[in-house]
Structure formats: C-alpha cells, structure tokens
Amino acid sequence: MMGPFVPDVVTDELNLIVGFLVGLAFGFVLEQAGFSSSRKLTGLFYGTDFTVLRVFFSAGVTAMCGVTLLSKLGLLDVNVIYVHPTYLYAALVGGGVMGLGF
C-alpha cells in the first residue's frame, strides 16, 4: 500500500490511481508555473521573481487542506502517517555550514 488511506474503504488499486492523478495534476501545475525554467529559480534567489515560492506555498496549503478533508471524511487515518523525528541541532549545524559555504 502506497499511502495511509484506510484499507477497508480504499483499495490498493484506487490508492495508486489517486496518487497517479494527483502527481499528474501537480506536475502540470509545476510546468505551467515555469519550474522547468532556470530563470524562475534564479529569480527567486535574486529576489526578483517569487513564482516558485508561491507555488511551494500553495502546494503546502493544498496538502494541509487535503489531509484535513480526507481525515474528516474518514478516508485518511492520520495516525498511520509516519513523521520522522526532528534533529534540531543537526539541522542548525547543517544550515550554518551551508550558509557559510554559500
């Protein structure tokens, strides 16, 4: 099973189809937003074009709304979703090293 959909309600085949359709739609949106353009990415770093940031933000909001909606409808068990432990000190050291090197 690819995702944490409730096994008694959603079959494995439907789970794969939903994942494929969501991935296809998300890829289309990213392509239309210009993610394949290096000018968009460099524009974000130089602070002149925030299209990439807006797409990332809207993707996060869409994911949060989707998880909430599927959970409320009983199609998604959020207790099954695994969240990796956070290693704050390792993230700070890695961010510092990358910040100094960048």
N, C-alpha and C. Protein backbone atom coordinates (compact mmCIF):
# COMPACT_ATOMS: atom_id res chain seq x y z
N MET A 1 0.84 -1.18 0.00
CA MET A 1 0.00 0.00 0.00
C MET A 1 0.88 1.24 0.00
N MET A 2 0.60 2.17 -0.88
CA MET A 2 1.46 3.33 -1.07
C MET A 2 1.22 4.43 -0.05
N GLY A 3 0.01 4.58 0.41
CA GLY A 3 -0.28 5.69 1.30
C GLY A 3 -1.09 5.25 2.49
N PRO A 4 -1.39 6.16 3.38
CA PRO A 4 -2.12 5.81 4.60
C PRO A 4 -3.63 5.84 4.45
N PHE A 5 -4.16 5.66 3.22
CA PHE A 5 -5.61 5.57 3.10
C PHE A 5 -6.12 4.37 3.88
N VAL A 6 -7.33 4.45 4.39
CA VAL A 6 -7.91 3.39 5.20
C VAL A 6 -8.11 2.16 4.31
N PRO A 7 -7.48 1.02 4.64
CA PRO A 7 -7.51 -0.16 3.77
C PRO A 7 -8.91 -0.73 3.56
N ASP A 8 -9.80 -0.60 4.53
CA ASP A 8 -11.13 -1.19 4.40
C ASP A 8 -12.01 -0.39 3.45
N VAL A 9 -11.69 0.88 3.23
CA VAL A 9 -12.52 1.74 2.40
C VAL A 9 -11.94 1.90 1.01
N VAL A 10 -10.63 2.11 0.93
CA VAL A 10 -9.96 2.39 -0.35
C VAL A 10 -9.07 1.20 -0.70
N THR A 11 -9.26 0.66 -1.90
CA THR A 11 -8.44 -0.47 -2.35
C THR A 11 -7.06 0.01 -2.76
N ASP A 12 -6.13 -0.92 -2.86
CA ASP A 12 -4.77 -0.58 -3.29
C ASP A 12 -4.76 -0.01 -4.70
N GLU A 13 -5.60 -0.55 -5.57
CA GLU A 13 -5.65 -0.07 -6.95
C GLU A 13 -6.14 1.38 -7.01
N LEU A 14 -7.20 1.68 -6.26
CA LEU A 14 -7.71 3.05 -6.22
C LEU A 14 -6.70 3.99 -5.60
N ASN A 15 -5.98 3.51 -4.61
CA ASN A 15 -4.93 4.30 -3.97
C ASN A 15 -3.86 4.69 -4.99
N LEU A 16 -3.45 3.74 -5.84
CA LEU A 16 -2.46 4.03 -6.87
C LEU A 16 -3.00 4.99 -7.92
N ILE A 17 -4.26 4.83 -8.28
CA ILE A 17 -4.86 5.71 -9.28
C ILE A 17 -4.95 7.14 -8.74
N VAL A 18 -5.37 7.28 -7.50
CA VAL A 18 -5.45 8.61 -6.89
C VAL A 18 -4.07 9.25 -6.82
N GLY A 19 -3.07 8.48 -6.41
CA GLY A 19 -1.71 9.01 -6.35
C GLY A 19 -1.19 9.43 -7.71
N PHE A 20 -1.49 8.63 -8.74
CA PHE A 20 -1.07 8.97 -10.10
C PHE A 20 -1.74 10.25 -10.58
N LEU A 21 -3.05 10.38 -10.36
CA LEU A 21 -3.77 11.56 -10.82
C LEU A 21 -3.32 12.82 -10.09
N VAL A 22 -3.08 12.71 -8.80
CA VAL A 22 -2.59 13.87 -8.04
C VAL A 22 -1.20 14.26 -8.51
N GLY A 23 -0.34 13.27 -8.74
CA GLY A 23 1.00 13.56 -9.24
C GLY A 23 0.98 14.18 -10.63
N LEU A 24 0.09 13.69 -11.49
CA LEU A 24 -0.04 14.25 -12.83
C LEU A 24 -0.52 15.70 -12.77
N ALA A 25 -1.51 15.96 -11.95
CA ALA A 25 -2.03 17.33 -11.82
C ALA A 25 -0.97 18.26 -11.22
N PHE A 26 -0.26 17.78 -10.22
CA PHE A 26 0.76 18.61 -9.59
C PHE A 26 1.90 18.89 -10.56
N GLY A 27 2.30 17.90 -11.34
CA GLY A 27 3.34 18.11 -12.34
C GLY A 27 2.91 19.10 -13.40
N PHE A 28 1.65 19.05 -13.82
CA PHE A 28 1.13 20.00 -14.79
C PHE A 28 1.17 21.42 -14.23
N VAL A 29 0.75 21.57 -12.99
CA VAL A 29 0.77 22.90 -12.36
C VAL A 29 2.20 23.42 -12.25
N LEU A 30 3.13 22.57 -11.87
CA LEU A 30 4.53 23.00 -11.77
C LEU A 30 5.09 23.40 -13.13
N GLU A 31 4.74 22.67 -14.16
CA GLU A 31 5.21 23.01 -15.51
C GLU A 31 4.62 24.34 -15.96
N GLN A 32 3.34 24.55 -15.69
CA GLN A 32 2.71 25.80 -16.08
C GLN A 32 3.26 26.99 -15.29
N ALA A 33 3.70 26.74 -14.07
CA ALA A 33 4.27 27.81 -13.25
C ALA A 33 5.70 28.14 -13.65
N GLY A 34 6.30 27.33 -14.52
CA GLY A 34 7.63 27.63 -15.00
C GLY A 34 8.75 27.00 -14.21
N PHE A 35 8.48 25.89 -13.55
CA PHE A 35 9.52 25.26 -12.76
C PHE A 35 10.64 24.68 -13.60
N SER A 36 10.39 24.50 -14.90
CA SER A 36 11.45 23.99 -15.75
C SER A 36 12.36 25.11 -16.26
N SER A 37 12.02 26.34 -15.93
CA SER A 37 12.81 27.49 -16.37
C SER A 37 13.85 27.85 -15.31
N SER A 38 15.09 27.89 -15.72
CA SER A 38 16.14 28.27 -14.76
C SER A 38 16.03 29.75 -14.39
N ARG A 39 15.40 30.55 -15.22
CA ARG A 39 15.22 31.98 -14.90
C ARG A 39 14.31 32.17 -13.69
N LYS A 40 13.31 31.31 -13.57
CA LYS A 40 12.41 31.39 -12.41
C LYS A 40 13.16 31.07 -11.12
N LEU A 41 14.00 30.05 -11.16
CA LEU A 41 14.74 29.66 -9.96
C LEU A 41 15.78 30.71 -9.58
N THR A 42 16.50 31.23 -10.56
CA THR A 42 17.49 32.27 -10.23
C THR A 42 16.79 33.55 -9.81
N GLY A 43 15.61 33.82 -10.37
CA GLY A 43 14.84 34.99 -9.95
C GLY A 43 14.44 34.92 -8.49
N LEU A 44 14.17 33.73 -8.01
CA LEU A 44 13.84 33.56 -6.59
C LEU A 44 15.05 33.87 -5.72
N PHE A 45 16.23 33.39 -6.11
CA PHE A 45 17.43 33.64 -5.32
C PHE A 45 17.82 35.11 -5.33
N TYR A 46 17.58 35.79 -6.44
CA TYR A 46 17.92 37.22 -6.53
C TYR A 46 16.81 38.12 -6.01
N GLY A 47 15.65 37.55 -5.69
CA GLY A 47 14.55 38.32 -5.12
C GLY A 47 13.76 39.11 -6.15
N THR A 48 13.77 38.67 -7.40
CA THR A 48 13.03 39.39 -8.44
C THR A 48 11.79 38.65 -8.91
N ASP A 49 11.70 37.35 -8.70
CA ASP A 49 10.56 36.56 -9.18
C ASP A 49 10.19 35.54 -8.10
N PHE A 50 9.00 35.68 -7.55
CA PHE A 50 8.58 34.82 -6.44
C PHE A 50 7.56 33.77 -6.86
N THR A 51 7.53 33.43 -8.13
CA THR A 51 6.59 32.42 -8.63
C THR A 51 6.83 31.07 -7.97
N VAL A 52 8.08 30.68 -7.87
CA VAL A 52 8.43 29.38 -7.28
C VAL A 52 7.99 29.33 -5.82
N LEU A 53 8.22 30.39 -5.09
CA LEU A 53 7.83 30.44 -3.68
C LEU A 53 6.31 30.36 -3.53
N ARG A 54 5.58 31.05 -4.41
CA ARG A 54 4.12 31.00 -4.35
C ARG A 54 3.61 29.59 -4.63
N VAL A 55 4.23 28.90 -5.57
CA VAL A 55 3.79 27.53 -5.89
C VAL A 55 4.09 26.60 -4.72
N PHE A 56 5.26 26.73 -4.11
CA PHE A 56 5.58 25.91 -2.93
C PHE A 56 4.60 26.18 -1.80
N PHE A 57 4.28 27.44 -1.57
CA PHE A 57 3.34 27.79 -0.51
C PHE A 57 1.95 27.22 -0.81
N SER A 58 1.49 27.38 -2.05
CA SER A 58 0.16 26.86 -2.39
C SER A 58 0.13 25.34 -2.33
N ALA A 59 1.24 24.68 -2.64
CA ALA A 59 1.30 23.22 -2.53
C ALA A 59 1.18 22.79 -1.07
N GLY A 60 1.84 23.50 -0.18
CA GLY A 60 1.74 23.18 1.25
C GLY A 60 0.34 23.38 1.78
N VAL A 61 -0.29 24.48 1.40
CA VAL A 61 -1.66 24.75 1.84
C VAL A 61 -2.62 23.71 1.27
N THR A 62 -2.44 23.34 0.01
CA THR A 62 -3.28 22.32 -0.61
C THR A 62 -3.12 20.98 0.10
N ALA A 63 -1.89 20.63 0.46
CA ALA A 63 -1.65 19.37 1.17
C ALA A 63 -2.31 19.39 2.55
N MET A 64 -2.20 20.51 3.25
CA MET A 64 -2.84 20.60 4.57
C MET A 64 -4.35 20.50 4.47
N CYS A 65 -4.94 21.18 3.49
CA CYS A 65 -6.39 21.11 3.30
C CYS A 65 -6.82 19.71 2.89
N GLY A 66 -6.04 19.07 2.02
CA GLY A 66 -6.37 17.72 1.58
C GLY A 66 -6.32 16.71 2.71
N VAL A 67 -5.28 16.78 3.54
CA VAL A 67 -5.17 15.86 4.67
C VAL A 67 -6.31 16.09 5.65
N THR A 68 -6.64 17.34 5.91
CA THR A 68 -7.73 17.64 6.83
C THR A 68 -9.06 17.14 6.28
N LEU A 69 -9.32 17.40 5.01
CA LEU A 69 -10.58 16.97 4.40
C LEU A 69 -10.70 15.45 4.37
N LEU A 70 -9.65 14.77 3.93
CA LEU A 70 -9.69 13.30 3.87
C LEU A 70 -9.82 12.69 5.26
N SER A 71 -9.21 13.33 6.25
CA SER A 71 -9.33 12.84 7.62
C SER A 71 -10.75 13.01 8.14
N LYS A 72 -11.35 14.16 7.86
CA LYS A 72 -12.72 14.42 8.32
C LYS A 72 -13.73 13.50 7.63
N LEU A 73 -13.45 13.14 6.37
CA LEU A 73 -14.34 12.23 5.65
C LEU A 73 -14.13 10.77 6.03
N GLY A 74 -13.10 10.49 6.83
CA GLY A 74 -12.83 9.13 7.26
C GLY A 74 -12.05 8.31 6.25
N LEU A 75 -11.47 8.96 5.24
CA LEU A 75 -10.71 8.24 4.22
C LEU A 75 -9.23 8.18 4.52
N LEU A 76 -8.77 8.95 5.47
CA LEU A 76 -7.35 9.00 5.79
C LEU A 76 -7.17 8.92 7.30
N ASP A 77 -6.37 7.97 7.73
CA ASP A 77 -6.06 7.82 9.15
C ASP A 77 -4.74 8.52 9.41
N VAL A 78 -4.79 9.69 10.05
CA VAL A 78 -3.57 10.48 10.25
C VAL A 78 -2.63 9.83 11.25
N ASN A 79 -3.10 8.89 12.03
CA ASN A 79 -2.23 8.20 12.98
C ASN A 79 -1.28 7.23 12.28
N VAL A 80 -1.59 6.88 11.03
CA VAL A 80 -0.75 5.96 10.27
C VAL A 80 0.41 6.70 9.59
N ILE A 81 0.28 8.01 9.44
CA ILE A 81 1.31 8.80 8.76
C ILE A 81 2.54 8.88 9.67
N TYR A 82 3.68 8.46 9.13
CA TYR A 82 4.92 8.47 9.91
C TYR A 82 5.61 9.81 9.74
N VAL A 83 5.98 10.41 10.84
CA VAL A 83 6.72 11.67 10.83
C VAL A 83 8.10 11.40 11.40
N HIS A 84 9.12 11.71 10.61
CA HIS A 84 10.49 11.49 11.06
C HIS A 84 10.79 12.37 12.27
N PRO A 85 11.61 11.87 13.20
CA PRO A 85 11.98 12.71 14.34
C PRO A 85 12.82 13.90 13.89
N THR A 86 12.67 15.01 14.59
CA THR A 86 13.40 16.23 14.25
C THR A 86 14.69 16.30 15.05
N TYR A 87 15.79 16.47 14.34
CA TYR A 87 17.09 16.64 14.97
C TYR A 87 17.48 18.11 14.81
N LEU A 88 17.09 18.93 15.78
CA LEU A 88 17.24 20.37 15.66
C LEU A 88 18.70 20.79 15.58
N TYR A 89 19.55 20.21 16.42
CA TYR A 89 20.95 20.62 16.43
C TYR A 89 21.65 20.25 15.12
N ALA A 90 21.35 19.10 14.57
CA ALA A 90 21.93 18.71 13.29
C ALA A 90 21.46 19.64 12.18
N ALA A 91 20.21 20.06 12.23
CA ALA A 91 19.69 20.99 11.22
C ALA A 91 20.36 22.35 11.35
N LEU A 92 20.59 22.80 12.58
CA LEU A 92 21.26 24.09 12.78
C LEU A 92 22.70 24.05 12.30
N VAL A 93 23.40 22.96 12.61
CA VAL A 93 24.79 22.83 12.16
C VAL A 93 24.84 22.75 10.63
N GLY A 94 23.98 21.95 10.03
CA GLY A 94 23.94 21.84 8.58
C GLY A 94 23.58 23.16 7.91
N GLY A 95 22.63 23.88 8.48
CA GLY A 95 22.27 25.19 7.94
C GLY A 95 23.40 26.18 8.07
N GLY A 96 24.12 26.12 9.19
CA GLY A 96 25.27 27.01 9.36
C GLY A 96 26.38 26.72 8.38
N VAL A 97 26.67 25.44 8.19
CA VAL A 97 27.72 25.05 7.24
C VAL A 97 27.34 25.47 5.82
N MET A 98 26.10 25.21 5.44
CA MET A 98 25.66 25.60 4.10
C MET A 98 25.62 27.11 3.96
N GLY A 99 25.22 27.81 5.01
CA GLY A 99 25.18 29.27 4.96
C GLY A 99 26.55 29.89 4.82
N LEU A 100 27.53 29.33 5.50
CA LEU A 100 28.89 29.84 5.40
C LEU A 100 29.50 29.53 4.04
N GLY A 101 29.16 28.38 3.49
CA GLY A 101 29.72 27.99 2.20
C GLY A 101 29.02 28.63 1.02
N PHE A 102 27.81 29.14 1.23
CA PHE A 102 27.05 29.69 0.12
C PHE A 102 27.41 31.14 -0.03
